[in-house]
Amino acid sequence: MSHLLFALLSLFSFATLLEAQWKLRENVYVIESEWNDETPAKRVELTCNTPDDTLPVYWKKGTELKGTGKTLIAEVKEFPDAGNYTCLTANTHEIVSYDFFLITKIDSNGQMIRSILKSFEEPNRTFLKCEAKNYSGIFKCSWMTENESPNVKFSIRSLEDSQGDVTCSSPVAHTDKSVTEYTVQCQKENYCPFAEEHQPVEMFLEVIDEVEYENYTSSFFIRDIIKPDPPQCQYVARNGTVTWTYPRTWSTPKSYFPLTFRVKVESTKKHKIQVYDAEEQSIQIPMTGPKDKISVQARDRYYNSSWSEWSSHCR
């Protein structure tokens, strides 16, 4: 009976320790650390993966000796506590096993504090933004960081319960002054542009900056992230007619995927802007000055997609 009680108490103690962490992948764990001075450090039990229990071993973190014996209780709270804990043999100093700990900051409500990524201004502090040029099932996802984190690493995928498999390219970085924007191109396999979507795509982005871990999600239907490329337009001066063509990247046939348009006229002389709605691919604009700037944008006619960027000037 006493042996059973000891076993149950040991199991309870082990479970309590495990609640402080969760496994990200083999030998890599994330510690949820409440980010204030009052909360104590999380206690985590490490076990050296040696087949011989009698083999003398010791633990190091970097160059610092952390303890001896097959098990080690580590206290992790701040970033210096995280990192690689290595078990080595006492005689030959060979590495037997290791455990790498990352820290994710949480508030008093248990919510992750996210600070690695920089938010897009719209809509509503979006950190992971996805857009599609058409209904092909191909879309682009973007996120940004300050340029102060050169060693930050990313992993993006769709969640398992998301309908259909999604494959993504490796992130491509575009640096502009103090901000770096990363983009990936993704494709939803077996996507049918003519069928109604019943389950959203769930994208999951993991970010690791040295020993800090954060994750971000974005849930959407393809139809909700549509943003066409701008139309291509031209202006006929003799009768004031503006004509344009559908973006080459837009879905076909046009009869099934029609666009609606807006034409913008910026008067340099009168310092005013006029915008005209159009369903067809031309419009006549009388009384335009020779220096007026004309451009066109488009969006899905039957679904409230985002408007495209304005086209290059039509003349």
C-alpha atoms as a PDB file:
ATOM      1  CA  MET A   1       0.000   0.000   0.000  1.00  0.00           C
ATOM      2  CA  SER A   2       2.836   2.362   0.898  1.00  0.00           C
ATOM      3  CA  HIS A   3       4.509   1.654  -2.461  1.00  0.00           C
ATOM      4  CA  LEU A   4       1.269   2.489  -4.299  1.00  0.00           C
ATOM      5  CA  LEU A   5       0.867   5.721  -2.333  1.00  0.00           C
ATOM      6  CA  PHE A   6       4.471   6.689  -3.107  1.00  0.00           C
ATOM      7  CA  ALA A   7       3.915   5.954  -6.794  1.00  0.00           C
ATOM      8  CA  LEU A   8       0.739   8.059  -6.866  1.00  0.00           C
ATOM      9  CA  LEU A   9       2.458  10.950  -5.081  1.00  0.00           C
ATOM     10  CA  SER A  10       5.391  10.748  -7.483  1.00  0.00           C
ATOM     11  CA  LEU A  11       3.018  10.743 -10.466  1.00  0.00           C
ATOM     12  CA  PHE A  12       1.160  13.762  -9.062  1.00  0.00           C
ATOM     13  CA  SER A  13       4.430  15.647  -8.551  1.00  0.00           C
ATOM     14  CA  PHE A  14       5.535  14.823 -12.130  1.00  0.00           C
ATOM     15  CA  ALA A  15       2.181  15.966 -13.553  1.00  0.00           C
ATOM     16  CA  THR A  16       2.430  19.253 -11.619  1.00  0.00           C
ATOM     17  CA  LEU A  17       5.844  19.878 -13.103  1.00  0.00           C
ATOM     18  CA  LEU A  18       4.659  19.068 -16.633  1.00  0.00           C
ATOM     19  CA  GLU A  19       1.843  21.647 -16.385  1.00  0.00           C
ATOM     20  CA  ALA A  20       4.517  24.340 -16.565  1.00  0.00           C
ATOM     21  CA  GLN A  21       5.495  23.386 -20.097  1.00  0.00           C
ATOM     22  CA  TRP A  22       4.286  21.958 -23.385  1.00  0.00           C
ATOM     23  CA  LYS A  23       6.164  20.181 -26.118  1.00  0.00           C
ATOM     24  CA  LEU A  24       6.770  22.073 -29.347  1.00  0.00           C
ATOM     25  CA  ARG A  25       8.754  19.312 -31.012  1.00  0.00           C
ATOM     26  CA  GLU A  26      11.264  16.648 -29.996  1.00  0.00           C
ATOM     27  CA  ASN A  27      13.452  17.959 -27.137  1.00  0.00           C
ATOM     28  CA  VAL A  28      12.012  21.493 -27.487  1.00  0.00           C
ATOM     29  CA  TYR A  29       9.520  22.810 -24.906  1.00  0.00           C
ATOM     30  CA  VAL A  30       7.687  26.076 -24.324  1.00  0.00           C
ATOM     31  CA  ILE A  31       7.398  27.514 -20.816  1.00  0.00           C
ATOM     32  CA  GLU A  32       4.440  29.827 -20.190  1.00  0.00           C
ATOM     33  CA  SER A  33       5.832  32.512 -17.892  1.00  0.00           C
ATOM     34  CA  GLU A  34       3.575  35.068 -16.218  1.00  0.00           C
ATOM     35  CA  TRP A  35       5.342  38.344 -16.908  1.00  0.00           C
ATOM     36  CA  ASN A  36       5.423  40.094 -13.517  1.00  0.00           C
ATOM     37  CA  ASP A  37       7.749  40.250 -10.496  1.00  0.00           C
ATOM     38  CA  GLU A  38       5.403  38.537  -8.041  1.00  0.00           C
ATOM     39  CA  THR A  39       4.858  35.228  -9.882  1.00  0.00           C
ATOM     40  CA  PRO A  40       7.437  32.550  -8.995  1.00  0.00           C
ATOM     41  CA  ALA A  41       9.473  30.712 -11.613  1.00  0.00           C
ATOM     42  CA  LYS A  42       8.117  27.527 -13.208  1.00  0.00           C
ATOM     43  CA  ARG A  43       9.766  24.347 -11.938  1.00  0.00           C
ATOM     44  CA  VAL A  44      10.521  21.859 -14.705  1.00  0.00           C
ATOM     45  CA  GLU A  45      11.878  18.323 -14.269  1.00  0.00           C
ATOM     46  CA  LEU A  46      14.570  17.219 -16.735  1.00  0.00           C
ATOM     47  CA  THR A  47      15.539  13.571 -17.183  1.00  0.00           C
ATOM     48  CA  CYS A  48      18.821  12.503 -18.758  1.00  0.00           C
ATOM     49  CA  ASN A  49      18.147  10.008 -21.545  1.00  0.00           C
ATOM     50  CA  THR A  50      20.772   7.430 -20.527  1.00  0.00           C
ATOM     51  CA  PRO A  51      20.124   3.659 -20.708  1.00  0.00           C
ATOM     52  CA  ASP A  52      22.404   3.032 -17.709  1.00  0.00           C
ATOM     53  CA  ASP A  53      21.041   4.455 -14.446  1.00  0.00           C
ATOM     54  CA  THR A  54      24.421   3.954 -12.756  1.00  0.00           C
ATOM     55  CA  LEU A  55      26.302   6.106 -15.276  1.00  0.00           C
ATOM     56  CA  PRO A  56      27.486   9.331 -13.554  1.00  0.00           C
ATOM     57  CA  VAL A  57      26.144  12.373 -15.441  1.00  0.00           C
ATOM     58  CA  TYR A  58      25.925  16.118 -14.935  1.00  0.00           C
ATOM     59  CA  TRP A  59      23.918  19.025 -16.404  1.00  0.00           C
ATOM     60  CA  LYS A  60      25.153  22.205 -18.040  1.00  0.00           C
ATOM     61  CA  LYS A  61      23.469  25.258 -19.526  1.00  0.00           C
ATOM     62  CA  GLY A  62      26.024  26.901 -21.750  1.00  0.00           C
ATOM     63  CA  THR A  63      29.187  26.879 -19.641  1.00  0.00           C
ATOM     64  CA  GLU A  64      27.306  26.915 -16.334  1.00  0.00           C
ATOM     65  CA  LEU A  65      27.096  23.725 -14.234  1.00  0.00           C
ATOM     66  CA  LYS A  66      23.469  23.178 -13.229  1.00  0.00           C
ATOM     67  CA  GLY A  67      23.561  19.899 -11.288  1.00  0.00           C
ATOM     68  CA  THR A  68      24.480  16.227 -11.198  1.00  0.00           C
ATOM     69  CA  GLY A  69      22.460  13.042 -11.459  1.00  0.00           C
ATOM     70  CA  LYS A  70      19.938  11.691 -13.916  1.00  0.00           C
ATOM     71  CA  THR A  71      17.216  14.215 -13.021  1.00  0.00           C
ATOM     72  CA  LEU A  72      17.383  17.981 -12.654  1.00  0.00           C
ATOM     73  CA  ILE A  73      14.754  20.444 -11.429  1.00  0.00           C
ATOM     74  CA  ALA A  74      15.178  23.689 -13.390  1.00  0.00           C
ATOM     75  CA  GLU A  75      13.467  26.960 -12.489  1.00  0.00           C
ATOM     76  CA  VAL A  76      12.539  28.970 -15.575  1.00  0.00           C
ATOM     77  CA  LYS A  77      10.992  32.446 -15.598  1.00  0.00           C
ATOM     78  CA  GLU A  78      13.155  35.021 -17.412  1.00  0.00           C
ATOM     79  CA  PHE A  79      14.872  34.739 -20.791  1.00  0.00           C
ATOM     80  CA  PRO A  80      18.314  33.972 -19.264  1.00  0.00           C
ATOM     81  CA  ASP A  81      16.735  30.856 -17.669  1.00  0.00           C
ATOM     82  CA  ALA A  82      15.679  29.521 -21.077  1.00  0.00           C
ATOM     83  CA  GLY A  83      17.880  27.839 -23.646  1.00  0.00           C
ATOM     84  CA  ASN A  84      19.690  24.515 -23.922  1.00  0.00           C
ATOM     85  CA  TYR A  85      20.096  22.212 -20.911  1.00  0.00           C
ATOM     86  CA  THR A  86      22.595  19.456 -21.760  1.00  0.00           C
ATOM     87  CA  CYS A  87      23.242  16.191 -19.962  1.00  0.00           C
ATOM     88  CA  LEU A  88      26.835  14.900 -20.241  1.00  0.00           C
ATOM     89  CA  THR A  89      28.756  11.904 -18.915  1.00  0.00           C
ATOM     90  CA  ALA A  90      30.961  12.706 -15.926  1.00  0.00           C
ATOM     91  CA  ASN A  91      33.910  10.655 -17.176  1.00  0.00           C
ATOM     92  CA  THR A  92      34.101  11.389 -20.907  1.00  0.00           C
ATOM     93  CA  HIS A  93      31.983  14.596 -21.046  1.00  0.00           C
ATOM     94  CA  GLU A  94      30.027  13.238 -24.009  1.00  0.00           C
ATOM     95  CA  ILE A  95      26.548  14.664 -24.635  1.00  0.00           C
ATOM     96  CA  VAL A  96      23.878  12.125 -23.679  1.00  0.00           C
ATOM     97  CA  SER A  97      20.715  14.188 -24.250  1.00  0.00           C
ATOM     98  CA  TYR A  98      19.434  17.746 -24.154  1.00  0.00           C
ATOM     99  CA  ASP A  99      16.263  19.778 -23.559  1.00  0.00           C
ATOM    100  CA  PHE A 100      15.753  23.211 -25.113  1.00  0.00           C
ATOM    101  CA  PHE A 101      13.363  25.623 -23.405  1.00  0.00           C
ATOM    102  CA  LEU A 102      11.621  28.597 -24.961  1.00  0.00           C
ATOM    103  CA  ILE A 103       9.586  31.183 -23.039  1.00  0.00           C
ATOM    104  CA  THR A 104       6.240  32.608 -24.036  1.00  0.00           C
ATOM    105  CA  LYS A 105       5.096  35.597 -22.002  1.00  0.00           C
ATOM    106  CA  ILE A 106       1.557  35.463 -20.594  1.00  0.00           C
ATOM    107  CA  ASP A 107      -0.500  37.967 -18.616  1.00  0.00           C
ATOM    108  CA  SER A 108      -2.437  37.372 -15.383  1.00  0.00           C
ATOM    109  CA  ASN A 109      -5.357  35.970 -17.418  1.00  0.00           C
ATOM    110  CA  GLY A 110      -3.162  33.367 -19.095  1.00  0.00           C
ATOM    111  CA  GLN A 111      -3.243  35.167 -22.466  1.00  0.00           C
ATOM    112  CA  MET A 112      -0.093  35.267 -24.593  1.00  0.00           C
ATOM    113  CA  ILE A 113       1.646  38.653 -24.695  1.00  0.00           C
ATOM    114  CA  ARG A 114       2.719  39.196 -28.301  1.00  0.00           C
ATOM    115  CA  SER A 115       5.498  41.666 -29.013  1.00  0.00           C
ATOM    116  CA  ILE A 116       7.804  40.155 -31.674  1.00  0.00           C
ATOM    117  CA  LEU A 117       5.633  41.024 -34.684  1.00  0.00           C
ATOM    118  CA  LYS A 118       4.590  44.519 -35.700  1.00  0.00           C
ATOM    119  CA  SER A 119       0.893  44.887 -36.492  1.00  0.00           C
ATOM    120  CA  PHE A 120      -0.519  46.130 -39.768  1.00  0.00           C
ATOM    121  CA  GLU A 121      -2.472  49.345 -39.312  1.00  0.00           C
ATOM    122  CA  GLU A 122      -5.686  47.857 -40.626  1.00  0.00           C
ATOM    123  CA  PRO A 123      -7.869  46.122 -39.903  1.00  0.00           C
ATOM    124  CA  ASN A 124      -7.820  46.055 -36.092  1.00  0.00           C
ATOM    125  CA  ARG A 125      -4.135  45.425 -35.348  1.00  0.00           C
ATOM    126  CA  THR A 126      -3.797  42.438 -37.662  1.00  0.00           C
ATOM    127  CA  PHE A 127      -0.473  40.630 -37.215  1.00  0.00           C
ATOM    128  CA  LEU A 128      -0.971  37.909 -39.847  1.00  0.00           C
ATOM    129  CA  LYS A 129      -2.611  39.222 -43.034  1.00  0.00           C
ATOM    130  CA  CYS A 130      -3.692  36.969 -45.913  1.00  0.00           C
ATOM    131  CA  GLU A 131      -4.942  38.072 -49.350  1.00  0.00           C
ATOM    132  CA  ALA A 132      -5.937  36.341 -52.593  1.00  0.00           C
ATOM    133  CA  LYS A 133      -5.870  37.886 -56.084  1.00  0.00           C
ATOM    134  CA  ASN A 134      -8.516  35.501 -57.402  1.00  0.00           C
ATOM    135  CA  TYR A 135     -10.538  32.358 -56.656  1.00  0.00           C
ATOM    136  CA  SER A 136      -7.845  29.848 -57.605  1.00  0.00           C
ATOM    137  CA  GLY A 137      -7.127  28.812 -53.994  1.00  0.00           C
ATOM    138  CA  ILE A 138      -3.732  30.540 -54.114  1.00  0.00           C
ATOM    139  CA  PHE A 139      -3.203  33.247 -51.506  1.00  0.00           C
ATOM    140  CA  LYS A 140      -0.414  35.254 -49.896  1.00  0.00           C
ATOM    141  CA  CYS A 141       0.164  35.722 -46.165  1.00  0.00           C
ATOM    142  CA  SER A 142       2.291  38.520 -44.705  1.00  0.00           C
ATOM    143  CA  TRP A 143       3.663  39.616 -41.342  1.00  0.00           C
ATOM    144  CA  MET A 144       6.172  42.237 -40.165  1.00  0.00           C
ATOM    145  CA  THR A 145       8.971  42.644 -37.633  1.00  0.00           C
ATOM    146  CA  GLU A 146      11.157  45.493 -36.528  1.00  0.00           C
ATOM    147  CA  ASN A 147      14.665  45.158 -37.927  1.00  0.00           C
ATOM    148  CA  GLU A 148      16.053  44.696 -34.399  1.00  0.00           C
ATOM    149  CA  SER A 149      15.572  40.896 -34.565  1.00  0.00           C
ATOM    150  CA  PRO A 150      17.903  39.456 -37.225  1.00  0.00           C
ATOM    151  CA  ASN A 151      17.734  35.882 -35.857  1.00  0.00           C
ATOM    152  CA  VAL A 152      13.965  35.512 -35.710  1.00  0.00           C
ATOM    153  CA  LYS A 153      12.610  32.277 -37.246  1.00  0.00           C
ATOM    154  CA  PHE A 154       9.156  31.443 -38.604  1.00  0.00           C
ATOM    155  CA  SER A 155       7.015  28.408 -39.326  1.00  0.00           C
ATOM    156  CA  ILE A 156       3.587  28.675 -40.966  1.00  0.00           C
ATOM    157  CA  ARG A 157       1.043  25.948 -41.677  1.00  0.00           C
ATOM    158  CA  SER A 158      -2.677  25.269 -41.685  1.00  0.00           C
ATOM    159  CA  LEU A 159      -4.258  23.709 -38.617  1.00  0.00           C
ATOM    160  CA  GLU A 160      -5.208  20.047 -38.906  1.00  0.00           C
ATOM    161  CA  ASP A 161      -8.941  20.626 -38.575  1.00  0.00           C
ATOM    162  CA  SER A 162      -8.884  23.132 -41.447  1.00  0.00           C
ATOM    163  CA  GLN A 163     -10.698  21.858 -44.533  1.00  0.00           C
ATOM    164  CA  GLY A 164      -8.258  20.762 -47.228  1.00  0.00           C
ATOM    165  CA  ASP A 165      -4.471  20.677 -47.209  1.00  0.00           C
ATOM    166  CA  VAL A 166      -2.568  23.947 -47.548  1.00  0.00           C
ATOM    167  CA  THR A 167       1.042  24.139 -48.720  1.00  0.00           C
ATOM    168  CA  CYS A 168       3.183  27.270 -48.354  1.00  0.00           C
ATOM    169  CA  SER A 169       6.511  28.456 -49.743  1.00  0.00           C
ATOM    170  CA  SER A 170       9.411  29.565 -47.553  1.00  0.00           C
ATOM    171  CA  PRO A 171       9.130  33.139 -46.205  1.00  0.00           C
ATOM    172  CA  VAL A 172      10.658  35.874 -48.351  1.00  0.00           C
ATOM    173  CA  ALA A 173      11.886  39.020 -46.552  1.00  0.00           C
ATOM    174  CA  HIS A 174      11.450  42.570 -47.872  1.00  0.00           C
ATOM    175  CA  THR A 175      13.258  45.174 -45.753  1.00  0.00           C
ATOM    176  CA  ASP A 176      12.165  48.807 -45.828  1.00  0.00           C
ATOM    177  CA  LYS A 177      13.857  51.205 -43.402  1.00  0.00           C
ATOM    178  CA  SER A 178      13.056  49.976 -39.865  1.00  0.00           C
ATOM    179  CA  VAL A 179      10.553  47.246 -40.835  1.00  0.00           C
ATOM    180  CA  THR A 180      10.935  43.871 -42.535  1.00  0.00           C
ATOM    181  CA  GLU A 181       7.860  42.324 -44.154  1.00  0.00           C
ATOM    182  CA  TYR A 182       7.787  38.564 -44.719  1.00  0.00           C
ATOM    183  CA  THR A 183       5.532  36.933 -47.303  1.00  0.00           C
ATOM    184  CA  VAL A 184       4.680  33.355 -48.204  1.00  0.00           C
ATOM    185  CA  GLN A 185       2.582  32.059 -51.081  1.00  0.00           C
ATOM    186  CA  CYS A 186       0.161  29.327 -50.090  1.00  0.00           C
ATOM    187  CA  GLN A 187      -2.214  27.101 -52.012  1.00  0.00           C
ATOM    188  CA  LYS A 188      -5.275  25.279 -50.806  1.00  0.00           C
ATOM    189  CA  GLU A 189      -5.225  21.885 -52.489  1.00  0.00           C
ATOM    190  CA  ASN A 190      -8.311  20.587 -54.304  1.00  0.00           C
ATOM    191  CA  TYR A 191      -9.979  23.992 -54.035  1.00  0.00           C
ATOM    192  CA  CYS A 192     -12.962  24.515 -56.351  1.00  0.00           C
ATOM    193  CA  PRO A 193     -13.609  28.181 -57.242  1.00  0.00           C
ATOM    194  CA  PHE A 194     -17.192  27.418 -58.288  1.00  0.00           C
ATOM    195  CA  ALA A 195     -18.221  25.686 -55.047  1.00  0.00           C
ATOM    196  CA  GLU A 196     -19.406  27.354 -51.861  1.00  0.00           C
ATOM    197  CA  GLU A 197     -16.947  27.266 -48.959  1.00  0.00           C
ATOM    198  CA  HIS A 198     -18.269  25.667 -45.776  1.00  0.00           C
ATOM    199  CA  GLN A 199     -15.180  25.630 -43.559  1.00  0.00           C
ATOM    200  CA  PRO A 200     -12.584  28.374 -43.180  1.00  0.00           C
ATOM    201  CA  VAL A 201      -8.858  28.070 -43.720  1.00  0.00           C
ATOM    202  CA  GLU A 202      -7.017  28.235 -40.374  1.00  0.00           C
ATOM    203  CA  MET A 203      -3.443  29.504 -40.717  1.00  0.00           C
ATOM    204  CA  PHE A 204      -1.046  29.138 -37.786  1.00  0.00           C
ATOM    205  CA  LEU A 205       2.242  31.095 -37.590  1.00  0.00           C
ATOM    206  CA  GLU A 206       4.929  30.266 -35.008  1.00  0.00           C
ATOM    207  CA  VAL A 207       7.650  32.826 -34.269  1.00  0.00           C
ATOM    208  CA  ILE A 208      10.878  32.184 -32.349  1.00  0.00           C
ATOM    209  CA  ASP A 209      13.248  35.019 -31.502  1.00  0.00           C
ATOM    210  CA  GLU A 210      16.306  33.482 -29.775  1.00  0.00           C
ATOM    211  CA  VAL A 211      14.481  31.905 -26.768  1.00  0.00           C
ATOM    212  CA  GLU A 212      11.162  33.786 -27.010  1.00  0.00           C
ATOM    213  CA  TYR A 213       8.157  31.992 -28.528  1.00  0.00           C
ATOM    214  CA  GLU A 214       4.886  33.428 -29.879  1.00  0.00           C
ATOM    215  CA  ASN A 215       2.163  32.183 -32.216  1.00  0.00           C
ATOM    216  CA  TYR A 216      -0.480  33.880 -34.320  1.00  0.00           C
ATOM    217  CA  THR A 217      -3.570  32.645 -36.143  1.00  0.00           C
ATOM    218  CA  SER A 218      -5.718  33.819 -39.031  1.00  0.00           C
ATOM    219  CA  SER A 219      -9.060  32.229 -39.943  1.00  0.00           C
ATOM    220  CA  PHE A 220     -10.797  33.080 -43.212  1.00  0.00           C
ATOM    221  CA  PHE A 221     -12.773  31.916 -46.211  1.00  0.00           C
ATOM    222  CA  ILE A 222     -11.025  32.511 -49.540  1.00  0.00           C
ATOM    223  CA  ARG A 223     -13.947  34.688 -50.623  1.00  0.00           C
ATOM    224  CA  ASP A 224     -13.320  37.013 -47.650  1.00  0.00           C
ATOM    225  CA  ILE A 225      -9.661  37.741 -48.501  1.00  0.00           C
ATOM    226  CA  ILE A 226     -10.126  38.490 -52.197  1.00  0.00           C
ATOM    227  CA  LYS A 227      -8.333  41.630 -53.374  1.00  0.00           C
ATOM    228  CA  PRO A 228      -7.976  41.866 -57.189  1.00  0.00           C
ATOM    229  CA  ASP A 229      -4.981  43.345 -58.926  1.00  0.00           C
ATOM    230  CA  PRO A 230      -5.643  46.795 -60.459  1.00  0.00           C
ATOM    231  CA  PRO A 231      -7.159  46.974 -63.965  1.00  0.00           C
ATOM    232  CA  GLN A 232      -5.115  48.233 -66.902  1.00  0.00           C
ATOM    233  CA  CYS A 233      -6.558  51.415 -68.342  1.00  0.00           C
ATOM    234  CA  GLN A 234      -6.099  54.010 -71.060  1.00  0.00           C
ATOM    235  CA  TYR A 235      -7.598  57.418 -71.856  1.00  0.00           C
ATOM    236  CA  VAL A 236      -8.822  58.603 -75.262  1.00  0.00           C
ATOM    237  CA  ALA A 237      -8.389  62.382 -75.304  1.00  0.00           C
ATOM    238  CA  ARG A 238     -10.596  63.195 -78.296  1.00  0.00           C
ATOM    239  CA  ASN A 239     -13.851  62.105 -76.624  1.00  0.00           C
ATOM    240  CA  GLY A 240     -12.839  61.864 -72.956  1.00  0.00           C
ATOM    241  CA  THR A 241     -13.343  58.098 -72.778  1.00  0.00           C
ATOM    242  CA  VAL A 242     -11.515  55.926 -70.249  1.00  0.00           C
ATOM    243  CA  THR A 243     -11.299  52.214 -71.056  1.00  0.00           C
ATOM    244  CA  TRP A 244      -9.762  49.359 -69.084  1.00  0.00           C
ATOM    245  CA  THR A 245      -9.256  45.626 -69.099  1.00  0.00           C
ATOM    246  CA  TYR A 246      -9.694  43.041 -66.388  1.00  0.00           C
ATOM    247  CA  PRO A 247      -6.531  42.195 -64.391  1.00  0.00           C
ATOM    248  CA  ARG A 248      -4.685  39.337 -66.043  1.00  0.00           C
ATOM    249  CA  THR A 249      -4.592  37.517 -62.704  1.00  0.00           C
ATOM    250  CA  TRP A 250      -8.380  37.593 -62.225  1.00  0.00           C
ATOM    251  CA  SER A 251     -10.486  34.416 -62.341  1.00  0.00           C
ATOM    252  CA  THR A 252     -12.233  33.340 -65.526  1.00  0.00           C
ATOM    253  CA  PRO A 253     -14.767  33.223 -67.054  1.00  0.00           C
ATOM    254  CA  LYS A 254     -15.583  36.887 -66.476  1.00  0.00           C
ATOM    255  CA  SER A 255     -19.293  36.125 -66.808  1.00  0.00           C
ATOM    256  CA  TYR A 256     -19.089  34.013 -63.654  1.00  0.00           C
ATOM    257  CA  PHE A 257     -16.578  36.273 -61.867  1.00  0.00           C
ATOM    258  CA  PRO A 258     -17.583  39.815 -62.899  1.00  0.00           C
ATOM    259  CA  LEU A 259     -15.932  42.881 -61.409  1.00  0.00           C
ATOM    260  CA  THR A 260     -17.278  46.313 -60.609  1.00  0.00           C
ATOM    261  CA  PHE A 261     -15.127  49.422 -60.990  1.00  0.00           C
ATOM    262  CA  ARG A 262     -14.434  52.925 -59.742  1.00  0.00           C
ATOM    263  CA  VAL A 263     -12.767  55.653 -61.794  1.00  0.00           C
ATOM    264  CA  LYS A 264     -10.940  58.448 -59.970  1.00  0.00           C
ATOM    265  CA  VAL A 265     -10.236  61.851 -61.516  1.00  0.00           C
ATOM    266  CA  GLU A 266      -7.799  64.082 -59.623  1.00  0.00           C
ATOM    267  CA  SER A 267      -7.993  67.660 -60.850  1.00  0.00           C
ATOM    268  CA  THR A 268      -4.670  69.420 -60.394  1.00  0.00           C
ATOM    269  CA  LYS A 269      -6.168  72.801 -61.349  1.00  0.00           C
ATOM    270  CA  LYS A 270      -9.281  72.682 -59.124  1.00  0.00           C
ATOM    271  CA  HIS A 271      -7.622  70.594 -56.378  1.00  0.00           C
ATOM    272  CA  LYS A 272     -10.526  68.184 -56.109  1.00  0.00           C
ATOM    273  CA  ILE A 273     -11.156  64.467 -56.600  1.00  0.00           C
ATOM    274  CA  GLN A 274     -14.184  62.902 -58.295  1.00  0.00           C
ATOM    275  CA  VAL A 275     -14.960  59.181 -58.245  1.00  0.00           C
ATOM    276  CA  TYR A 276     -17.328  57.500 -60.731  1.00  0.00           C
ATOM    277  CA  ASP A 277     -18.856  54.025 -60.405  1.00  0.00           C
ATOM    278  CA  ALA A 278     -18.926  51.771 -63.467  1.00  0.00           C
ATOM    279  CA  GLU A 279     -20.148  48.266 -64.279  1.00  0.00           C
ATOM    280  CA  GLU A 280     -18.780  48.126 -67.816  1.00  0.00           C
ATOM    281  CA  GLN A 281     -15.196  48.545 -68.973  1.00  0.00           C
ATOM    282  CA  SER A 282     -15.411  52.150 -70.166  1.00  0.00           C
ATOM    283  CA  ILE A 283     -16.764  55.512 -69.089  1.00  0.00           C
ATOM    284  CA  GLN A 284     -16.884  58.936 -70.697  1.00  0.00           C
ATOM    285  CA  ILE A 285     -15.594  61.776 -68.544  1.00  0.00           C
ATOM    286  CA  PRO A 286     -16.170  65.231 -70.027  1.00  0.00           C
ATOM    287  CA  MET A 287     -14.217  68.359 -69.228  1.00  0.00           C
ATOM    288  CA  THR A 288     -10.984  66.839 -67.973  1.00  0.00           C
ATOM    289  CA  GLY A 289      -7.886  68.988 -67.953  1.00  0.00           C
ATOM    290  CA  PRO A 290      -4.718  67.877 -69.734  1.00  0.00           C
ATOM    291  CA  LYS A 291      -2.923  67.427 -66.393  1.00  0.00           C
ATOM    292  CA  ASP A 292      -5.753  65.633 -64.568  1.00  0.00           C
ATOM    293  CA  LYS A 293      -4.790  62.225 -63.199  1.00  0.00           C
ATOM    294  CA  ILE A 294      -7.139  59.324 -63.947  1.00  0.00           C
ATOM    295  CA  SER A 295      -6.956  55.846 -62.408  1.00  0.00           C
ATOM    296  CA  VAL A 296      -9.233  52.819 -61.970  1.00  0.00           C
ATOM    297  CA  GLN A 297      -9.779  50.189 -59.274  1.00  0.00           C
ATOM    298  CA  ALA A 298     -11.903  47.030 -59.123  1.00  0.00           C
ATOM    299  CA  ARG A 299     -13.570  44.560 -56.787  1.00  0.00           C
ATOM    300  CA  ASP A 300     -15.841  41.517 -57.009  1.00  0.00           C
ATOM    301  CA  ARG A 301     -19.258  42.622 -58.263  1.00  0.00           C
ATOM    302  CA  TYR A 302     -21.334  40.087 -56.322  1.00  0.00           C
ATOM    303  CA  TYR A 303     -19.293  39.678 -53.161  1.00  0.00           C
ATOM    304  CA  ASN A 304     -18.057  42.463 -50.914  1.00  0.00           C
ATOM    305  CA  SER A 305     -14.347  41.887 -51.490  1.00  0.00           C
ATOM    306  CA  SER A 306     -11.616  44.445 -50.888  1.00  0.00           C
ATOM    307  CA  TRP A 307     -11.037  47.033 -53.562  1.00  0.00           C
ATOM    308  CA  SER A 308      -7.868  46.657 -55.573  1.00  0.00           C
ATOM    309  CA  GLU A 309      -5.153  49.277 -55.397  1.00  0.00           C
ATOM    310  CA  TRP A 310      -5.633  52.126 -57.831  1.00  0.00           C
ATOM    311  CA  SER A 311      -4.174  51.453 -61.254  1.00  0.00           C
ATOM    312  CA  SER A 312      -1.340  53.392 -62.781  1.00  0.00           C
ATOM    313  CA  HIS A 313      -2.490  56.648 -64.328  1.00  0.00           C
ATOM    314  CA  CYS A 314      -4.468  56.067 -67.520  1.00  0.00           C
ATOM    315  CA  ARG A 315      -2.492  58.694 -69.364  1.00  0.00           C
END
